[in-house]
């Protein structure tokens, strides 16, 4: 990306990165929310990992044992 910016005569500054947020297969909060979603909408949710900046990474850095999840639009 830096090379493309330089070729176009532009500069690029990256800031505001988020720390990593690791997938935990034993997340009880995710399991409870998935059960509730299934009852509410009549089908199981799509659970997937995405690459993007999420506040969960900031919380995970300070509280690595805290069960958490991020919910997007169905």
PDB file of N, CA and C in Angstrom:
ATOM      1  N   UNK A   1       0.826  -1.186   0.000  1.00  0.00           N
ATOM      2  CA  UNK A   1       0.000   0.000   0.000  1.00  0.00           C
ATOM      3  C   UNK A   1       0.874   1.254   0.000  1.00  0.00           C
ATOM      4  N   UNK A   2       1.976   1.231   0.755  1.00  0.00           N
ATOM      5  CA  UNK A   2       2.879   2.369   0.769  1.00  0.00           C
ATOM      6  C   UNK A   2       3.465   2.637  -0.613  1.00  0.00           C
ATOM      7  N   UNK A   3       3.773   1.568  -1.328  1.00  0.00           N
ATOM      8  CA  UNK A   3       4.346   1.710  -2.665  1.00  0.00           C
ATOM      9  C   UNK A   3       3.344   2.354  -3.624  1.00  0.00           C
ATOM     10  N   UNK A   4       2.094   1.939  -3.543  1.00  0.00           N
ATOM     11  CA  UNK A   4       1.064   2.517  -4.415  1.00  0.00           C
ATOM     12  C   UNK A   4       0.879   3.995  -4.110  1.00  0.00           C
ATOM     13  N   UNK A   5       0.920   4.365  -2.844  1.00  0.00           N
ATOM     14  CA  UNK A   5       0.790   5.773  -2.480  1.00  0.00           C
ATOM     15  C   UNK A   5       1.966   6.569  -3.025  1.00  0.00           C
ATOM     16  N   UNK A   6       3.175   6.030  -2.889  1.00  0.00           N
ATOM     17  CA  UNK A   6       4.362   6.722  -3.382  1.00  0.00           C
ATOM     18  C   UNK A   6       4.311   6.899  -4.891  1.00  0.00           C
ATOM     19  N   UNK A   7       3.864   5.888  -5.609  1.00  0.00           N
ATOM     20  CA  UNK A   7       3.752   5.972  -7.069  1.00  0.00           C
ATOM     21  C   UNK A   7       2.750   7.047  -7.493  1.00  0.00           C
ATOM     22  N   UNK A   8       1.743   7.262  -6.679  1.00  0.00           N
ATOM     23  CA  UNK A   8       0.732   8.275  -6.990  1.00  0.00           C
ATOM     24  C   UNK A   8       1.134   9.654  -6.483  1.00  0.00           C
ATOM     25  N   UNK A   9       2.325   9.746  -5.864  1.00  0.00           N
ATOM     26  CA  UNK A   9       2.776  11.026  -5.341  1.00  0.00           C
ATOM     27  C   UNK A   9       2.133  11.400  -4.024  1.00  0.00           C
ATOM     28  N   UNK A  10       1.598  10.421  -3.337  1.00  0.00           N
ATOM     29  CA  UNK A  10       0.924  10.673  -2.063  1.00  0.00           C
ATOM     30  C   UNK A  10       1.726  10.067  -0.921  1.00  0.00           C
ATOM     31  N   UNK A  11       1.362  10.426   0.261  1.00  0.00           N
ATOM     32  CA  UNK A  11       1.950   9.803   1.445  1.00  0.00           C
ATOM     33  C   UNK A  11       0.844   9.080   2.188  1.00  0.00           C
ATOM     34  N   UNK A  12       1.250   8.136   3.009  1.00  0.00           N
ATOM     35  CA  UNK A  12       0.284   7.337   3.750  1.00  0.00           C
ATOM     36  C   UNK A  12       0.741   7.233   5.189  1.00  0.00           C
ATOM     37  N   UNK A  13      -0.165   7.462   6.102  1.00  0.00           N
ATOM     38  CA  UNK A  13       0.138   7.338   7.518  1.00  0.00           C
ATOM     39  C   UNK A  13      -0.875   6.379   8.124  1.00  0.00           C
ATOM     40  N   UNK A  14      -0.379   5.344   8.783  1.00  0.00           N
ATOM     41  CA  UNK A  14      -1.239   4.360   9.423  1.00  0.00           C
ATOM     42  C   UNK A  14      -1.260   4.654  10.918  1.00  0.00           C
ATOM     43  N   UNK A  15      -2.466   4.726  11.484  1.00  0.00           N
ATOM     44  CA  UNK A  15      -2.599   4.952  12.929  1.00  0.00           C
ATOM     45  C   UNK A  15      -3.870   4.276  13.424  1.00  0.00           C
ATOM     46  N   UNK A  16      -3.993   4.198  14.712  1.00  0.00           N
ATOM     47  CA  UNK A  16      -5.209   3.647  15.296  1.00  0.00           C
ATOM     48  C   UNK A  16      -5.348   2.150  15.155  1.00  0.00           C
ATOM     49  N   UNK A  17      -4.251   1.429  15.204  1.00  0.00           N
ATOM     50  CA  UNK A  17      -4.348  -0.021  15.085  1.00  0.00           C
ATOM     51  C   UNK A  17      -4.928  -0.612  16.365  1.00  0.00           C
ATOM     52  N   UNK A  18      -5.566  -1.756  16.215  1.00  0.00           N
ATOM     53  CA  UNK A  18      -6.158  -2.456  17.342  1.00  0.00           C
ATOM     54  C   UNK A  18      -5.334  -3.703  17.641  1.00  0.00           C
ATOM     55  N   UNK A  19      -5.233  -4.078  18.909  1.00  0.00           N
ATOM     56  CA  UNK A  19      -4.532  -5.326  19.228  1.00  0.00           C
ATOM     57  C   UNK A  19      -5.343  -6.532  18.762  1.00  0.00           C
ATOM     58  N   UNK A  20      -4.651  -7.654  18.657  1.00  0.00           N
ATOM     59  CA  UNK A  20      -5.310  -8.887  18.208  1.00  0.00           C
ATOM     60  C   UNK A  20      -6.349  -9.348  19.224  1.00  0.00           C
ATOM     61  N   UNK A  21      -7.350 -10.030  18.717  1.00  0.00           N
ATOM     62  CA  UNK A  21      -8.390 -10.614  19.555  1.00  0.00           C
ATOM     63  C   UNK A  21      -8.507 -12.061  19.129  1.00  0.00           C
ATOM     64  N   UNK A  22      -8.032 -12.956  19.960  1.00  0.00           N
ATOM     65  CA  UNK A  22      -7.943 -14.373  19.614  1.00  0.00           C
ATOM     66  C   UNK A  22      -9.290 -15.090  19.746  1.00  0.00           C
ATOM     67  N   UNK A  23      -9.553 -15.986  18.814  1.00  0.00           N
ATOM     68  CA  UNK A  23     -10.746 -16.836  18.867  1.00  0.00           C
ATOM     69  C   UNK A  23     -10.608 -17.823  20.015  1.00  0.00           C
ATOM     70  N   UNK A  24     -11.652 -17.958  20.814  1.00  0.00           N
ATOM     71  CA  UNK A  24     -11.671 -18.916  21.920  1.00  0.00           C
ATOM     72  C   UNK A  24     -12.798 -19.913  21.680  1.00  0.00           C
ATOM     73  N   UNK A  25     -12.467 -21.180  21.392  1.00  0.00           N
ATOM     74  CA  UNK A  25     -13.519 -22.169  21.137  1.00  0.00           C
ATOM     75  C   UNK A  25     -14.384 -22.447  22.360  1.00  0.00           C
ATOM     76  N   UNK A  26     -13.916 -22.112  23.552  1.00  0.00           N
ATOM     77  CA  UNK A  26     -14.666 -22.391  24.781  1.00  0.00           C
ATOM     78  C   UNK A  26     -15.363 -21.145  25.332  1.00  0.00           C
ATOM     79  N   UNK A  27     -15.888 -20.298  24.474  1.00  0.00           N
ATOM     80  CA  UNK A  27     -16.529 -19.058  24.897  1.00  0.00           C
ATOM     81  C   UNK A  27     -17.995 -19.309  25.271  1.00  0.00           C
ATOM     82  N   UNK A  28     -18.315 -19.344  26.570  1.00  0.00           N
ATOM     83  CA  UNK A  28     -19.701 -19.621  26.977  1.00  0.00           C
ATOM     84  C   UNK A  28     -20.670 -18.506  26.588  1.00  0.00           C
ATOM     85  N   UNK A  29     -20.206 -17.275  26.522  1.00  0.00           N
ATOM     86  CA  UNK A  29     -21.074 -16.166  26.133  1.00  0.00           C
ATOM     87  C   UNK A  29     -21.532 -16.329  24.687  1.00  0.00           C
ATOM     88  N   UNK A  30     -20.614 -16.687  23.801  1.00  0.00           N
ATOM     89  CA  UNK A  30     -20.971 -16.901  22.391  1.00  0.00           C
ATOM     90  C   UNK A  30     -22.000 -18.018  22.269  1.00  0.00           C
ATOM     91  N   UNK A  31     -21.808 -19.100  23.023  1.00  0.00           N
ATOM     92  CA  UNK A  31     -22.739 -20.228  22.964  1.00  0.00           C
ATOM     93  C   UNK A  31     -24.131 -19.833  23.437  1.00  0.00           C
ATOM     94  N   UNK A  32     -24.209 -19.044  24.500  1.00  0.00           N
ATOM     95  CA  UNK A  32     -25.513 -18.601  25.017  1.00  0.00           C
ATOM     96  C   UNK A  32     -26.214 -17.675  24.023  1.00  0.00           C
ATOM     97  N   UNK A  33     -25.458 -16.753  23.433  1.00  0.00           N
ATOM     98  CA  UNK A  33     -26.045 -15.831  22.460  1.00  0.00           C
ATOM     99  C   UNK A  33     -26.502 -16.598  21.220  1.00  0.00           C
ATOM    100  N   UNK A  34     -25.743 -17.593  20.788  1.00  0.00           N
ATOM    101  CA  UNK A  34     -26.124 -18.403  19.629  1.00  0.00           C
ATOM    102  C   UNK A  34     -27.431 -19.150  19.903  1.00  0.00           C
ATOM    103  N   UNK A  35     -27.597 -19.674  21.116  1.00  0.00           N
ATOM    104  CA  UNK A  35     -28.848 -20.357  21.468  1.00  0.00           C
ATOM    105  C   UNK A  35     -30.021 -19.373  21.446  1.00  0.00           C
ATOM    106  N   UNK A  36     -29.823 -18.205  22.010  1.00  0.00           N
ATOM    107  CA  UNK A  36     -30.877 -17.191  22.034  1.00  0.00           C
ATOM    108  C   UNK A  36     -31.243 -16.757  20.611  1.00  0.00           C
ATOM    109  N   UNK A  37     -30.239 -16.547  19.767  1.00  0.00           N
ATOM    110  CA  UNK A  37     -30.471 -16.153  18.370  1.00  0.00           C
ATOM    111  C   UNK A  37     -31.305 -17.212  17.655  1.00  0.00           C
ATOM    112  N   UNK A  38     -30.963 -18.483  17.885  1.00  0.00           N
ATOM    113  CA  UNK A  38     -31.682 -19.581  17.233  1.00  0.00           C
ATOM    114  C   UNK A  38     -33.145 -19.592  17.643  1.00  0.00           C
ATOM    115  N   UNK A  39     -33.416 -19.382  18.919  1.00  0.00           N
ATOM    116  CA  UNK A  39     -34.805 -19.332  19.395  1.00  0.00           C
ATOM    117  C   UNK A  39     -35.516 -18.115  18.796  1.00  0.00           C
ATOM    118  N   UNK A  40     -34.841 -16.987  18.763  1.00  0.00           N
ATOM    119  CA  UNK A  40     -35.453 -15.743  18.303  1.00  0.00           C
ATOM    120  C   UNK A  40     -35.744 -15.744  16.803  1.00  0.00           C
ATOM    121  N   UNK A  41     -34.783 -16.255  15.998  1.00  0.00           N
ATOM    122  CA  UNK A  41     -34.924 -16.168  14.541  1.00  0.00           C
ATOM    123  C   UNK A  41     -35.234 -17.502  13.865  1.00  0.00           C
ATOM    124  N   UNK A  42     -35.264 -18.600  14.630  1.00  0.00           N
ATOM    125  CA  UNK A  42     -35.622 -19.895  14.063  1.00  0.00           C
ATOM    126  C   UNK A  42     -34.522 -20.553  13.250  1.00  0.00           C
ATOM    127  N   UNK A  43     -33.317 -20.045  13.322  1.00  0.00           N
ATOM    128  CA  UNK A  43     -32.173 -20.646  12.629  1.00  0.00           C
ATOM    129  C   UNK A  43     -30.904 -20.238  13.373  1.00  0.00           C
ATOM    130  N   UNK A  44     -29.871 -21.055  13.282  1.00  0.00           N
ATOM    131  CA  UNK A  44     -28.634 -20.722  14.001  1.00  0.00           C
ATOM    132  C   UNK A  44     -27.919 -19.538  13.340  1.00  0.00           C
ATOM    133  N   UNK A  45     -27.169 -18.779  14.117  1.00  0.00           N
ATOM    134  CA  UNK A  45     -26.433 -17.657  13.542  1.00  0.00           C
ATOM    135  C   UNK A  45     -25.233 -18.139  12.737  1.00  0.00           C
ATOM    136  N   UNK A  46     -24.755 -17.291  11.864  1.00  0.00           N
ATOM    137  CA  UNK A  46     -23.506 -17.548  11.153  1.00  0.00           C
ATOM    138  C   UNK A  46     -22.394 -16.986  12.038  1.00  0.00           C
ATOM    139  N   UNK A  47     -21.526 -17.856  12.499  1.00  0.00           N
ATOM    140  CA  UNK A  47     -20.419 -17.437  13.357  1.00  0.00           C
ATOM    141  C   UNK A  47     -19.147 -17.518  12.524  1.00  0.00           C
ATOM    142  N   UNK A  48     -18.484 -16.382  12.404  1.00  0.00           N
ATOM    143  CA  UNK A  48     -17.300 -16.321  11.555  1.00  0.00           C
ATOM    144  C   UNK A  48     -16.291 -15.338  12.122  1.00  0.00           C
ATOM    145  N   UNK A  49     -15.070 -15.494  11.717  1.00  0.00           N
ATOM    146  CA  UNK A  49     -14.024 -14.542  12.082  1.00  0.00           C
ATOM    147  C   UNK A  49     -13.855 -13.559  10.943  1.00  0.00           C
ATOM    148  N   UNK A  50     -13.664 -12.315  11.271  1.00  0.00           N
ATOM    149  CA  UNK A  50     -13.433 -11.286  10.272  1.00  0.00           C
ATOM    150  C   UNK A  50     -12.166 -10.523  10.625  1.00  0.00           C
ATOM    151  N   UNK A  51     -11.619  -9.884   9.630  1.00  0.00           N
ATOM    152  CA  UNK A  51     -10.431  -9.077   9.874  1.00  0.00           C
ATOM    153  C   UNK A  51     -10.876  -7.622   9.880  1.00  0.00           C
ATOM    154  N   UNK A  52     -10.714  -6.998  11.010  1.00  0.00           N
ATOM    155  CA  UNK A  52     -11.110  -5.602  11.121  1.00  0.00           C
ATOM    156  C   UNK A  52     -10.826  -5.098  12.516  1.00  0.00           C
ATOM    157  N   UNK A  53     -10.835  -3.813  12.689  1.00  0.00           N
ATOM    158  CA  UNK A  53     -10.591  -3.227  14.001  1.00  0.00           C
ATOM    159  C   UNK A  53     -11.830  -3.302  14.864  1.00  0.00           C
ATOM    160  N   UNK A  54     -11.697  -3.954  15.979  1.00  0.00           N
ATOM    161  CA  UNK A  54     -12.819  -4.074  16.900  1.00  0.00           C
ATOM    162  C   UNK A  54     -12.381  -3.672  18.303  1.00  0.00           C
ATOM    163  N   UNK A  55     -13.294  -3.062  19.022  1.00  0.00           N
ATOM    164  CA  UNK A  55     -13.000  -2.688  20.395  1.00  0.00           C
ATOM    165  C   UNK A  55     -12.718  -3.903  21.260  1.00  0.00           C
ATOM    166  N   UNK A  56     -13.214  -5.068  20.859  1.00  0.00           N
ATOM    167  CA  UNK A  56     -12.969  -6.288  21.629  1.00  0.00           C
ATOM    168  C   UNK A  56     -11.472  -6.547  21.772  1.00  0.00           C
ATOM    169  N   UNK A  57     -10.680  -6.184  20.784  1.00  0.00           N
ATOM    170  CA  UNK A  57      -9.239  -6.359  20.881  1.00  0.00           C
ATOM    171  C   UNK A  57      -8.641  -5.526  22.004  1.00  0.00           C
ATOM    172  N   UNK A  58      -9.144  -4.315  22.189  1.00  0.00           N
ATOM    173  CA  UNK A  58      -8.673  -3.442  23.258  1.00  0.00           C
ATOM    174  C   UNK A  58      -9.045  -4.046  24.613  1.00  0.00           C
ATOM    175  N   UNK A  59     -10.288  -4.522  24.737  1.00  0.00           N
ATOM    176  CA  UNK A  59     -10.718  -5.141  25.984  1.00  0.00           C
ATOM    177  C   UNK A  59      -9.962  -6.435  26.252  1.00  0.00           C
ATOM    178  N   UNK A  60      -9.748  -7.231  25.203  1.00  0.00           N
ATOM    179  CA  UNK A  60      -9.048  -8.502  25.350  1.00  0.00           C
ATOM    180  C   UNK A  60      -7.627  -8.298  25.862  1.00  0.00           C
ATOM    181  N   UNK A  61      -6.995  -7.218  25.405  1.00  0.00           N
ATOM    182  CA  UNK A  61      -5.633  -6.929  25.839  1.00  0.00           C
ATOM    183  C   UNK A  61      -5.565  -6.706  27.350  1.00  0.00           C
ATOM    184  N   UNK A  62      -6.584  -6.081  27.909  1.00  0.00           N
ATOM    185  CA  UNK A  62      -6.607  -5.790  29.343  1.00  0.00           C
ATOM    186  C   UNK A  62      -7.255  -6.894  30.173  1.00  0.00           C
ATOM    187  N   UNK A  63      -8.222  -7.615  29.579  1.00  0.00           N
ATOM    188  CA  UNK A  63      -8.966  -8.661  30.289  1.00  0.00           C
ATOM    189  C   UNK A  63      -9.014  -9.930  29.440  1.00  0.00           C
ATOM    190  N   UNK A  64      -7.905 -10.660  29.299  1.00  0.00           N
ATOM    191  CA  UNK A  64      -7.860 -11.806  28.381  1.00  0.00           C
ATOM    192  C   UNK A  64      -8.793 -12.961  28.762  1.00  0.00           C
ATOM    193  N   UNK A  65      -9.240 -13.024  29.996  1.00  0.00           N
ATOM    194  CA  UNK A  65     -10.136 -14.111  30.411  1.00  0.00           C
ATOM    195  C   UNK A  65     -11.614 -13.743  30.308  1.00  0.00           C
ATOM    196  N   UNK A  66     -11.915 -12.519  29.921  1.00  0.00           N
ATOM    197  CA  UNK A  66     -13.300 -12.060  29.831  1.00  0.00           C
ATOM    198  C   UNK A  66     -13.964 -12.624  28.579  1.00  0.00           C
ATOM    199  N   UNK A  67     -15.048 -13.410  28.724  1.00  0.00           N
ATOM    200  CA  UNK A  67     -15.762 -13.884  27.526  1.00  0.00           C
ATOM    201  C   UNK A  67     -16.395 -12.681  26.826  1.00  0.00           C
ATOM    202  N   UNK A  68     -16.217 -12.590  25.524  1.00  0.00           N
ATOM    203  CA  UNK A  68     -16.793 -11.473  24.780  1.00  0.00           C
ATOM    204  C   UNK A  68     -17.097 -11.909  23.358  1.00  0.00           C
ATOM    205  N   UNK A  69     -17.903 -11.107  22.686  1.00  0.00           N
ATOM    206  CA  UNK A  69     -18.212 -11.344  21.291  1.00  0.00           C
ATOM    207  C   UNK A  69     -18.606 -10.044  20.640  1.00  0.00           C
ATOM    208  N   UNK A  70     -18.554 -10.020  19.350  1.00  0.00           N
ATOM    209  CA  UNK A  70     -18.979  -8.869  18.574  1.00  0.00           C
ATOM    210  C   UNK A  70     -20.102  -9.335  17.658  1.00  0.00           C
ATOM    211  N   UNK A  71     -21.174  -8.582  17.592  1.00  0.00           N
ATOM    212  CA  UNK A  71     -22.343  -8.993  16.824  1.00  0.00           C
ATOM    213  C   UNK A  71     -22.563  -8.013  15.674  1.00  0.00           C
ATOM    214  N   UNK A  72     -22.712  -8.570  14.476  1.00  0.00           N
ATOM    215  CA  UNK A  72     -23.011  -7.768  13.299  1.00  0.00           C
ATOM    216  C   UNK A  72     -24.439  -7.989  12.860  1.00  0.00           C
ATOM    217  N   UNK A  73     -24.834  -7.313  11.835  1.00  0.00           N
ATOM    218  CA  UNK A  73     -26.196  -7.440  11.320  1.00  0.00           C
ATOM    219  C   UNK A  73     -26.429  -8.851  10.764  1.00  0.00           C
ATOM    220  N   UNK A  74     -27.625  -9.406  11.002  1.00  0.00           N
ATOM    221  CA  UNK A  74     -27.917 -10.757  10.478  1.00  0.00           C
ATOM    222  C   UNK A  74     -28.113 -10.734   8.979  1.00  0.00           C
TER     223      UNK A  74
END
